[in-house]
Structure formats: structure tokens, C-alpha cells
Amino acid sequence: MSVTYPKANTVTIGYDPTEDKMFLILYLQDGNTSKAYISRRLLGMLLKSMGDKLTSTSPTASRTPDSAEVMQMGHIAAVVNRKPGEIPKTAKPESAKPYYSTEVQLETQGDALILGFKSVDTEPIAALALKRTEAHQILRLLRDQADKAGWGLEQPAEWMRPMEYGRGGD
């Protein structure tokens, strides 16, 4: 990323029915908090981009004929084994500076997926570095909030669909 972003350590995700926008409260390394509102359109693009990036960078999915199945198993394992992050004790999410995010940059650095959020005036809001399992967990949380909001988004990737049991023979 050519833009320098404030670095976030932790994130909480929610939905604001008054704004009809999803939000991410980003807990920054410097102790401040930022609240990035994202629209339905931007969320759809983010979900698809994250799914594509996780698939294209997966070391195991690239070596198998059914990459969707491998990705689905990895996704399920990450979501099932989710451990909530710690919100700093000094953080005050209610005083988070609000921004309307219009752009999310995705980049891989080593084994991390970096999400960088920009505001309407292209001001950097914050960036969050995620390990693969954390990226899967964030993807699921974003998807769950979109479902709760009734946004009716399509699945961003085949491997995010719920597993179907008993697909075999009669």
C-alpha cells in the first residue's frame, strides 16, 4: 500500500439501522478509535475481494482439483476456532471518530492480508493486518452482519456456502 494508514490492532463490527450502514470500530495502536461506516455496495465488493484474495493466496487450494472444498474446510475451521480479540481497556468506542468509507484497499504482505479503509475525501481511516484465520473470521462476521441487516447479498465465494451433507449417492 502506498498510503500510510493508522494501524488498528482490534476491530468490532456492527450495523447501524438509522444509517443503514455497517460499521467497523477500529482500535488504533495509538489508543484512539475510528468508526468506519461502509455501504452495502462497498461491503459486497469487499467480501468478493477478500474471498478472491484468500483463494488466490491459499497454499493448499492451489494444489488440489477442488479448491472450493479446501477453502471451505479452512473457512469452517477458522470460524469454529474463533477467539475474540481483546479491546483495549482504555478504549472508548462511543467516542470513535466517524468516517464514511468509500474505498477499501486489499494487499497481502507475507502471510497477512491488509485491509486499508479510506474515507470520502480519500483520507486514510485505518489499516488492519489479518492472518489467514483472522481474515476468514472477519469475512464471516461481515457476512453475518449483512444477513442480520437484511441486505440480501450473494455469497462472495462458493466455499462460503453452508456445507451440504449427504450429497453422495442414493
N, C-alpha and C. Protein backbone atom coordinates (compact mmCIF):
# COMPACT_ATOMS: atom_id res chain seq x y z
N MET A 1 0.84 -1.18 0.00
CA MET A 1 0.00 0.00 0.00
C MET A 1 0.88 1.23 0.00
N SER A 2 0.62 2.09 -0.90
CA SER A 2 1.42 3.30 -0.99
C SER A 2 0.95 4.38 -0.02
N VAL A 3 -0.22 4.20 0.57
CA VAL A 3 -0.77 5.15 1.52
C VAL A 3 -0.37 4.71 2.93
N THR A 4 -0.05 5.66 3.78
CA THR A 4 0.25 5.34 5.17
C THR A 4 -1.04 5.47 5.98
N TYR A 5 -1.41 4.36 6.60
CA TYR A 5 -2.64 4.30 7.39
C TYR A 5 -2.31 4.23 8.87
N PRO A 6 -3.18 4.81 9.72
CA PRO A 6 -3.07 4.50 11.14
C PRO A 6 -3.31 3.00 11.31
N LYS A 7 -2.56 2.35 12.17
CA LYS A 7 -2.66 0.90 12.33
C LYS A 7 -3.64 0.54 13.42
N ALA A 8 -4.54 -0.39 13.09
CA ALA A 8 -5.52 -0.89 14.04
C ALA A 8 -5.08 -2.26 14.54
N ASN A 9 -5.31 -2.51 15.82
CA ASN A 9 -5.00 -3.80 16.43
C ASN A 9 -6.22 -4.70 16.51
N THR A 10 -7.36 -4.11 16.76
CA THR A 10 -8.59 -4.85 17.01
C THR A 10 -9.74 -4.15 16.30
N VAL A 11 -10.77 -4.92 16.00
CA VAL A 11 -11.95 -4.35 15.33
C VAL A 11 -13.21 -4.98 15.91
N THR A 12 -14.26 -4.17 16.02
CA THR A 12 -15.59 -4.70 16.30
C THR A 12 -16.47 -4.30 15.12
N ILE A 13 -17.43 -5.15 14.84
CA ILE A 13 -18.28 -4.96 13.65
C ILE A 13 -19.74 -4.91 14.09
N GLY A 14 -20.48 -3.98 13.49
CA GLY A 14 -21.89 -3.86 13.81
C GLY A 14 -22.67 -3.26 12.66
N TYR A 15 -23.95 -3.06 12.91
CA TYR A 15 -24.85 -2.49 11.91
C TYR A 15 -25.62 -1.35 12.56
N ASP A 16 -25.72 -0.22 11.87
CA ASP A 16 -26.47 0.93 12.34
C ASP A 16 -27.73 1.06 11.49
N PRO A 17 -28.91 0.70 12.04
CA PRO A 17 -30.13 0.75 11.24
C PRO A 17 -30.55 2.17 10.85
N THR A 18 -30.17 3.15 11.64
CA THR A 18 -30.50 4.54 11.30
C THR A 18 -29.77 4.98 10.05
N GLU A 19 -28.50 4.63 9.95
CA GLU A 19 -27.68 4.97 8.79
C GLU A 19 -27.85 3.96 7.66
N ASP A 20 -28.38 2.78 7.97
CA ASP A 20 -28.43 1.63 7.06
C ASP A 20 -27.04 1.35 6.50
N LYS A 21 -26.09 1.32 7.42
CA LYS A 21 -24.70 1.06 7.06
C LYS A 21 -24.10 0.13 8.11
N MET A 22 -23.18 -0.68 7.65
CA MET A 22 -22.39 -1.47 8.56
C MET A 22 -21.27 -0.57 9.07
N PHE A 23 -20.75 -0.88 10.25
CA PHE A 23 -19.62 -0.10 10.75
C PHE A 23 -18.57 -1.02 11.35
N LEU A 24 -17.35 -0.54 11.29
CA LEU A 24 -16.24 -1.20 11.94
C LEU A 24 -15.64 -0.18 12.91
N ILE A 25 -15.57 -0.55 14.17
CA ILE A 25 -14.85 0.29 15.11
C ILE A 25 -13.44 -0.26 15.17
N LEU A 26 -12.51 0.58 14.76
CA LEU A 26 -11.11 0.19 14.66
C LEU A 26 -10.35 0.77 15.85
N TYR A 27 -9.75 -0.10 16.64
CA TYR A 27 -8.99 0.30 17.82
C TYR A 27 -7.54 0.45 17.40
N LEU A 28 -7.10 1.69 17.38
CA LEU A 28 -5.79 2.02 16.83
C LEU A 28 -4.67 1.82 17.85
N GLN A 29 -3.46 1.62 17.33
CA GLN A 29 -2.29 1.41 18.18
C GLN A 29 -2.02 2.60 19.10
N ASP A 30 -2.39 3.80 18.65
CA ASP A 30 -2.11 4.99 19.46
C ASP A 30 -3.16 5.22 20.55
N GLY A 31 -4.12 4.29 20.70
CA GLY A 31 -5.13 4.40 21.75
C GLY A 31 -6.42 5.04 21.29
N ASN A 32 -6.45 5.64 20.12
CA ASN A 32 -7.67 6.24 19.60
C ASN A 32 -8.55 5.18 18.93
N THR A 33 -9.77 5.56 18.62
CA THR A 33 -10.68 4.68 17.89
C THR A 33 -11.27 5.45 16.72
N SER A 34 -11.51 4.72 15.64
CA SER A 34 -12.17 5.28 14.46
C SER A 34 -13.34 4.37 14.11
N LYS A 35 -14.41 4.99 13.62
CA LYS A 35 -15.59 4.23 13.22
C LYS A 35 -15.78 4.42 11.72
N ALA A 36 -15.60 3.33 10.98
CA ALA A 36 -15.71 3.38 9.52
C ALA A 36 -17.06 2.80 9.11
N TYR A 37 -17.93 3.66 8.57
CA TYR A 37 -19.21 3.19 8.03
C TYR A 37 -18.97 2.69 6.61
N ILE A 38 -19.56 1.54 6.28
CA ILE A 38 -19.44 1.04 4.91
C ILE A 38 -20.83 0.71 4.36
N SER A 39 -21.01 1.05 3.11
CA SER A 39 -22.29 0.85 2.44
C SER A 39 -22.46 -0.60 2.00
N ARG A 40 -23.65 -0.93 1.60
CA ARG A 40 -23.95 -2.27 1.09
C ARG A 40 -23.11 -2.57 -0.15
N ARG A 41 -23.00 -1.59 -1.02
CA ARG A 41 -22.21 -1.76 -2.25
C ARG A 41 -20.75 -2.03 -1.93
N LEU A 42 -20.16 -1.23 -1.04
CA LEU A 42 -18.76 -1.40 -0.68
C LEU A 42 -18.55 -2.74 0.03
N LEU A 43 -19.49 -3.13 0.87
CA LEU A 43 -19.37 -4.41 1.56
C LEU A 43 -19.38 -5.56 0.55
N GLY A 44 -20.26 -5.51 -0.44
CA GLY A 44 -20.29 -6.55 -1.46
C GLY A 44 -18.97 -6.67 -2.18
N MET A 45 -18.38 -5.54 -2.52
CA MET A 45 -17.06 -5.55 -3.20
C MET A 45 -15.98 -6.08 -2.27
N LEU A 46 -16.04 -5.69 -0.99
CA LEU A 46 -15.05 -6.13 -0.02
C LEU A 46 -15.12 -7.65 0.19
N LEU A 47 -16.33 -8.18 0.35
CA LEU A 47 -16.49 -9.62 0.55
C LEU A 47 -15.93 -10.40 -0.64
N LYS A 48 -16.25 -9.95 -1.84
CA LYS A 48 -15.76 -10.64 -3.03
C LYS A 48 -14.24 -10.55 -3.13
N SER A 49 -13.69 -9.37 -2.91
CA SER A 49 -12.23 -9.19 -3.00
C SER A 49 -11.50 -10.02 -1.95
N MET A 50 -12.03 -10.04 -0.72
CA MET A 50 -11.40 -10.85 0.32
C MET A 50 -11.45 -12.33 -0.03
N GLY A 51 -12.59 -12.80 -0.52
CA GLY A 51 -12.73 -14.19 -0.92
C GLY A 51 -11.77 -14.55 -2.04
N ASP A 52 -11.68 -13.68 -3.04
CA ASP A 52 -10.75 -13.91 -4.16
C ASP A 52 -9.31 -13.95 -3.68
N LYS A 53 -8.95 -13.00 -2.80
CA LYS A 53 -7.57 -12.92 -2.32
C LYS A 53 -7.22 -14.14 -1.46
N LEU A 54 -8.14 -14.57 -0.61
CA LEU A 54 -7.88 -15.76 0.20
C LEU A 54 -7.72 -17.00 -0.67
N THR A 55 -8.52 -17.10 -1.73
CA THR A 55 -8.43 -18.25 -2.62
C THR A 55 -7.12 -18.22 -3.41
N SER A 56 -6.78 -17.07 -3.97
CA SER A 56 -5.59 -16.99 -4.83
C SER A 56 -4.29 -17.14 -4.05
N THR A 57 -4.31 -16.86 -2.75
CA THR A 57 -3.08 -16.95 -1.96
C THR A 57 -3.02 -18.21 -1.09
N SER A 58 -4.01 -19.07 -1.22
CA SER A 58 -4.03 -20.28 -0.40
C SER A 58 -3.00 -21.29 -0.90
N PRO A 59 -2.08 -21.69 -0.04
CA PRO A 59 -1.08 -22.66 -0.48
C PRO A 59 -1.68 -24.05 -0.75
N THR A 60 -2.71 -24.43 -0.02
CA THR A 60 -3.29 -25.76 -0.22
C THR A 60 -4.33 -25.79 -1.33
N ALA A 61 -5.11 -24.72 -1.47
CA ALA A 61 -6.15 -24.72 -2.50
C ALA A 61 -5.57 -24.76 -3.91
N SER A 62 -4.38 -24.21 -4.08
CA SER A 62 -3.78 -24.18 -5.41
C SER A 62 -3.24 -25.55 -5.84
N ARG A 63 -3.13 -26.50 -4.89
CA ARG A 63 -2.58 -27.82 -5.22
C ARG A 63 -3.64 -28.92 -5.28
N THR A 64 -4.89 -28.56 -5.38
CA THR A 64 -5.95 -29.56 -5.37
C THR A 64 -6.94 -29.31 -6.50
N PRO A 65 -7.58 -30.36 -7.00
CA PRO A 65 -8.56 -30.15 -8.06
C PRO A 65 -9.84 -29.45 -7.57
N ASP A 66 -10.15 -29.58 -6.29
CA ASP A 66 -11.36 -28.93 -5.77
C ASP A 66 -10.97 -27.88 -4.74
N SER A 67 -10.50 -26.73 -5.24
CA SER A 67 -10.03 -25.67 -4.34
C SER A 67 -11.15 -25.13 -3.47
N ALA A 68 -12.40 -25.14 -3.97
CA ALA A 68 -13.53 -24.63 -3.18
C ALA A 68 -13.73 -25.47 -1.93
N GLU A 69 -13.57 -26.78 -2.05
CA GLU A 69 -13.74 -27.65 -0.88
C GLU A 69 -12.64 -27.41 0.15
N VAL A 70 -11.41 -27.25 -0.31
CA VAL A 70 -10.29 -26.98 0.60
C VAL A 70 -10.51 -25.64 1.29
N MET A 71 -10.91 -24.63 0.54
CA MET A 71 -11.17 -23.31 1.12
C MET A 71 -12.32 -23.37 2.11
N GLN A 72 -13.34 -24.14 1.79
CA GLN A 72 -14.50 -24.26 2.69
C GLN A 72 -14.08 -24.90 4.02
N MET A 73 -13.26 -25.94 3.95
CA MET A 73 -12.80 -26.58 5.18
C MET A 73 -11.94 -25.62 6.01
N GLY A 74 -11.08 -24.86 5.35
CA GLY A 74 -10.26 -23.87 6.05
C GLY A 74 -11.11 -22.78 6.67
N HIS A 75 -12.14 -22.36 5.95
CA HIS A 75 -13.04 -21.32 6.44
C HIS A 75 -13.80 -21.80 7.67
N ILE A 76 -14.33 -23.01 7.59
CA ILE A 76 -15.08 -23.57 8.72
C ILE A 76 -14.18 -23.70 9.94
N ALA A 77 -12.97 -24.21 9.75
CA ALA A 77 -12.03 -24.36 10.87
C ALA A 77 -11.73 -23.01 11.51
N ALA A 78 -11.53 -21.98 10.70
CA ALA A 78 -11.22 -20.65 11.23
C ALA A 78 -12.39 -20.07 12.00
N VAL A 79 -13.60 -20.25 11.48
CA VAL A 79 -14.79 -19.69 12.12
C VAL A 79 -15.10 -20.44 13.42
N VAL A 80 -14.99 -21.75 13.39
CA VAL A 80 -15.29 -22.56 14.57
C VAL A 80 -14.29 -22.29 15.69
N ASN A 81 -13.04 -22.08 15.34
CA ASN A 81 -11.99 -21.86 16.35
C ASN A 81 -11.76 -20.39 16.66
N ARG A 82 -12.75 -19.55 16.38
CA ARG A 82 -12.60 -18.11 16.58
C ARG A 82 -12.43 -17.77 18.05
N LYS A 83 -11.44 -16.94 18.31
CA LYS A 83 -11.21 -16.42 19.65
C LYS A 83 -11.37 -14.91 19.57
N PRO A 84 -12.26 -14.36 20.37
CA PRO A 84 -12.44 -12.91 20.30
C PRO A 84 -11.18 -12.15 20.71
N GLY A 85 -10.92 -11.06 20.01
CA GLY A 85 -9.78 -10.21 20.33
C GLY A 85 -10.07 -9.39 21.57
N GLU A 86 -9.03 -8.84 22.13
CA GLU A 86 -9.20 -8.03 23.33
C GLU A 86 -9.30 -6.57 22.95
N ILE A 87 -10.34 -5.93 23.43
CA ILE A 87 -10.50 -4.49 23.23
C ILE A 87 -9.71 -3.79 24.34
N PRO A 88 -8.86 -2.84 23.97
CA PRO A 88 -8.07 -2.16 25.00
C PRO A 88 -8.95 -1.57 26.09
N LYS A 89 -8.52 -1.70 27.34
CA LYS A 89 -9.31 -1.22 28.48
C LYS A 89 -9.52 0.29 28.44
N THR A 90 -8.60 1.01 27.82
CA THR A 90 -8.71 2.47 27.76
C THR A 90 -9.56 2.95 26.59
N ALA A 91 -9.97 2.03 25.72
CA ALA A 91 -10.73 2.42 24.52
C ALA A 91 -12.13 2.87 24.89
N LYS A 92 -12.58 3.88 24.16
CA LYS A 92 -13.94 4.39 24.33
C LYS A 92 -14.62 4.37 22.97
N PRO A 93 -15.24 3.23 22.60
CA PRO A 93 -15.83 3.12 21.27
C PRO A 93 -16.90 4.18 21.00
N GLU A 94 -17.59 4.62 22.03
CA GLU A 94 -18.64 5.63 21.82
C GLU A 94 -18.06 6.98 21.38
N SER A 95 -16.77 7.21 21.60
CA SER A 95 -16.16 8.46 21.17
C SER A 95 -15.35 8.29 19.88
N ALA A 96 -15.53 7.17 19.20
CA ALA A 96 -14.79 6.92 17.95
C ALA A 96 -15.16 7.97 16.91
N LYS A 97 -14.15 8.49 16.23
CA LYS A 97 -14.38 9.47 15.18
C LYS A 97 -15.03 8.75 13.99
N PRO A 98 -16.22 9.23 13.54
CA PRO A 98 -16.92 8.55 12.44
C PRO A 98 -16.42 9.00 11.06
N TYR A 99 -16.33 8.04 10.16
CA TYR A 99 -15.95 8.28 8.77
C TYR A 99 -16.89 7.47 7.88
N TYR A 100 -17.15 7.98 6.68
CA TYR A 100 -17.84 7.19 5.67
C TYR A 100 -16.78 6.66 4.73
N SER A 101 -16.58 5.36 4.77
CA SER A 101 -15.56 4.73 3.95
C SER A 101 -16.09 4.53 2.53
N THR A 102 -15.30 4.95 1.55
CA THR A 102 -15.70 4.79 0.15
C THR A 102 -14.76 3.87 -0.60
N GLU A 103 -13.67 3.46 0.06
CA GLU A 103 -12.71 2.61 -0.61
C GLU A 103 -12.02 1.72 0.42
N VAL A 104 -11.79 0.47 0.03
CA VAL A 104 -11.01 -0.46 0.84
C VAL A 104 -9.92 -1.03 -0.05
N GLN A 105 -8.68 -0.88 0.39
CA GLN A 105 -7.55 -1.45 -0.33
C GLN A 105 -7.20 -2.78 0.32
N LEU A 106 -6.96 -3.79 -0.51
CA LEU A 106 -6.54 -5.11 -0.03
C LEU A 106 -5.17 -5.41 -0.58
N GLU A 107 -4.35 -5.95 0.27
CA GLU A 107 -2.99 -6.29 -0.14
C GLU A 107 -2.50 -7.43 0.74
N THR A 108 -1.66 -8.29 0.19
CA THR A 108 -1.03 -9.31 1.01
C THR A 108 0.40 -8.88 1.29
N GLN A 109 0.82 -9.09 2.52
CA GLN A 109 2.20 -8.84 2.93
C GLN A 109 2.62 -10.07 3.73
N GLY A 110 3.47 -10.88 3.11
CA GLY A 110 3.84 -12.14 3.74
C GLY A 110 2.62 -13.03 3.86
N ASP A 111 2.31 -13.48 5.07
CA ASP A 111 1.13 -14.32 5.27
C ASP A 111 -0.06 -13.53 5.80
N ALA A 112 0.02 -12.20 5.75
CA ALA A 112 -1.06 -11.35 6.25
C ALA A 112 -1.84 -10.71 5.11
N LEU A 113 -3.12 -10.52 5.35
CA LEU A 113 -3.99 -9.77 4.44
C LEU A 113 -4.22 -8.42 5.10
N ILE A 114 -3.88 -7.36 4.39
CA ILE A 114 -4.00 -6.00 4.93
C ILE A 114 -5.24 -5.35 4.33
N LEU A 115 -6.13 -4.85 5.20
CA LEU A 115 -7.31 -4.09 4.77
C LEU A 115 -7.07 -2.64 5.14
N GLY A 116 -7.09 -1.75 4.16
CA GLY A 116 -6.92 -0.33 4.40
C GLY A 116 -8.19 0.42 4.01
N PHE A 117 -8.77 1.13 4.95
CA PHE A 117 -10.02 1.86 4.71
C PHE A 117 -9.74 3.33 4.48
N LYS A 118 -10.36 3.89 3.42
CA LYS A 118 -10.24 5.31 3.10
C LYS A 118 -11.62 5.96 3.20
N SER A 119 -11.61 7.25 3.56
CA SER A 119 -12.87 7.99 3.70
C SER A 119 -13.24 8.69 2.40
N VAL A 120 -14.35 9.39 2.43
CA VAL A 120 -14.90 10.10 1.27
C VAL A 120 -13.86 10.99 0.62
N ASP A 121 -13.09 11.71 1.42
CA ASP A 121 -12.08 12.61 0.87
C ASP A 121 -10.72 11.92 0.70
N THR A 122 -10.74 10.59 0.59
CA THR A 122 -9.57 9.71 0.43
C THR A 122 -8.59 9.77 1.60
N GLU A 123 -9.04 10.31 2.72
CA GLU A 123 -8.22 10.32 3.92
C GLU A 123 -8.14 8.88 4.46
N PRO A 124 -6.93 8.41 4.79
CA PRO A 124 -6.82 7.07 5.37
C PRO A 124 -7.47 7.01 6.74
N ILE A 125 -8.36 6.04 6.92
CA ILE A 125 -9.04 5.87 8.22
C ILE A 125 -8.18 4.97 9.10
N ALA A 126 -7.91 3.77 8.63
CA ALA A 126 -7.09 2.81 9.38
C ALA A 126 -6.83 1.60 8.51
N ALA A 127 -5.80 0.84 8.88
CA ALA A 127 -5.50 -0.43 8.23
C ALA A 127 -5.43 -1.51 9.29
N LEU A 128 -5.83 -2.68 8.90
CA LEU A 128 -5.88 -3.82 9.80
C LEU A 128 -5.14 -4.98 9.14
N ALA A 129 -4.13 -5.52 9.81
CA ALA A 129 -3.38 -6.67 9.30
C ALA A 129 -4.00 -7.93 9.89
N LEU A 130 -4.38 -8.86 9.02
CA LEU A 130 -5.06 -10.08 9.44
C LEU A 130 -4.31 -11.32 8.99
N LYS A 131 -4.12 -12.27 9.89
CA LYS A 131 -3.63 -13.58 9.50
C LYS A 131 -4.76 -14.25 8.72
N ARG A 132 -4.46 -15.33 8.01
CA ARG A 132 -5.47 -16.01 7.20
C ARG A 132 -6.70 -16.39 8.03
N THR A 133 -6.48 -16.97 9.20
CA THR A 133 -7.64 -17.38 10.02
C THR A 133 -8.45 -16.17 10.46
N GLU A 134 -7.78 -15.07 10.81
CA GLU A 134 -8.48 -13.86 11.21
C GLU A 134 -9.26 -13.27 10.03
N ALA A 135 -8.69 -13.34 8.83
CA ALA A 135 -9.39 -12.84 7.64
C ALA A 135 -10.66 -13.64 7.41
N HIS A 136 -10.59 -14.95 7.57
CA HIS A 136 -11.79 -15.79 7.44
C HIS A 136 -12.83 -15.40 8.50
N GLN A 137 -12.38 -15.15 9.71
CA GLN A 137 -13.29 -14.78 10.78
C GLN A 137 -13.96 -13.43 10.51
N ILE A 138 -13.19 -12.46 10.05
CA ILE A 138 -13.74 -11.14 9.72
C ILE A 138 -14.73 -11.28 8.57
N LEU A 139 -14.38 -12.07 7.58
CA LEU A 139 -15.27 -12.32 6.44
C LEU A 139 -16.61 -12.86 6.93
N ARG A 140 -16.57 -13.81 7.84
CA ARG A 140 -17.80 -14.40 8.38
C ARG A 140 -18.59 -13.37 9.18
N LEU A 141 -17.91 -12.58 10.01
CA LEU A 141 -18.61 -11.57 10.81
C LEU A 141 -19.28 -10.52 9.92
N LEU A 142 -18.58 -10.09 8.87
CA LEU A 142 -19.16 -9.13 7.93
C LEU A 142 -20.39 -9.74 7.26
N ARG A 143 -20.26 -10.98 6.84
CA ARG A 143 -21.36 -11.69 6.19
C ARG A 143 -22.56 -11.83 7.13
N ASP A 144 -22.30 -12.18 8.39
CA ASP A 144 -23.37 -12.32 9.38
C ASP A 144 -24.10 -11.00 9.60
N GLN A 145 -23.35 -9.90 9.70
CA GLN A 145 -23.98 -8.59 9.90
C GLN A 145 -24.83 -8.20 8.69
N ALA A 146 -24.35 -8.51 7.50
CA ALA A 146 -25.13 -8.21 6.28
C ALA A 146 -26.43 -9.01 6.29
N ASP A 147 -26.37 -10.26 6.73
CA ASP A 147 -27.58 -11.08 6.82
C ASP A 147 -28.54 -10.51 7.85
N LYS A 148 -28.03 -10.11 9.02
CA LYS A 148 -28.87 -9.52 10.07
C LYS A 148 -29.52 -8.23 9.58
N ALA A 149 -28.81 -7.49 8.75
CA ALA A 149 -29.33 -6.22 8.22
C ALA A 149 -30.36 -6.45 7.12
N GLY A 150 -30.44 -7.69 6.63
CA GLY A 150 -31.38 -7.99 5.55
C GLY A 150 -30.94 -7.45 4.21
N TRP A 151 -29.64 -7.36 4.00
CA TRP A 151 -29.11 -6.78 2.77
C TRP A 151 -29.20 -7.72 1.58
N GLY A 152 -29.42 -9.01 1.80
CA GLY A 152 -29.61 -9.94 0.69
C GLY A 152 -28.44 -10.05 -0.25
N LEU A 153 -27.23 -10.01 0.28
CA LEU A 153 -26.04 -10.12 -0.58
C LEU A 153 -25.87 -11.56 -1.05
N GLU A 154 -25.33 -11.72 -2.24
CA GLU A 154 -24.99 -13.04 -2.72
C GLU A 154 -23.76 -13.53 -1.97
N GLN A 155 -23.56 -14.84 -1.97
CA GLN A 155 -22.35 -15.39 -1.37
C GLN A 155 -21.15 -14.91 -2.19
N PRO A 156 -20.12 -14.37 -1.55
CA PRO A 156 -18.96 -13.88 -2.30
C PRO A 156 -18.11 -14.99 -2.90
N ALA A 157 -18.25 -16.20 -2.39
CA ALA A 157 -17.47 -17.32 -2.91
C ALA A 157 -18.23 -18.61 -2.64
N GLU A 158 -18.10 -19.56 -3.52
CA GLU A 158 -18.76 -20.85 -3.37
C GLU A 158 -18.41 -21.52 -2.04
N TRP A 159 -17.16 -21.36 -1.62
CA TRP A 159 -16.71 -22.02 -0.40
C TRP A 159 -17.29 -21.42 0.87
N MET A 160 -17.97 -20.27 0.78
CA MET A 160 -18.62 -19.68 1.96
C MET A 160 -20.03 -20.21 2.19
N ARG A 161 -20.55 -20.96 1.23
CA ARG A 161 -21.89 -21.52 1.40
C ARG A 161 -21.86 -22.56 2.52
N PRO A 162 -22.99 -22.71 3.22
CA PRO A 162 -23.03 -23.75 4.25
C PRO A 162 -22.78 -25.12 3.62
N MET A 163 -22.07 -25.98 4.37
CA MET A 163 -21.77 -27.31 3.87
C MET A 163 -23.05 -28.11 3.70
N GLU A 164 -23.11 -28.86 2.63
CA GLU A 164 -24.26 -29.72 2.38
C GLU A 164 -23.83 -31.16 2.67
N TYR A 165 -24.54 -31.79 3.57
CA TYR A 165 -24.24 -33.17 3.91
C TYR A 165 -25.13 -34.09 3.10
N GLY A 166 -24.62 -35.25 2.81
CA GLY A 166 -25.43 -36.25 2.10
C GLY A 166 -25.56 -35.98 0.61
N ARG A 167 -24.57 -35.30 0.01
CA ARG A 167 -24.63 -35.03 -1.42
C ARG A 167 -24.32 -36.28 -2.23
N GLY A 168 -23.83 -37.31 -1.58
CA GLY A 168 -23.40 -38.51 -2.29
C GLY A 168 -24.55 -39.26 -2.94
N GLY A 169 -24.31 -40.52 -3.25
CA GLY A 169 -25.30 -41.35 -3.94
C GLY A 169 -26.56 -41.57 -3.13
N ASP A 170 -27.48 -42.34 -3.70
CA ASP A 170 -28.77 -42.57 -3.06
C ASP A 170 -28.61 -43.45 -1.90
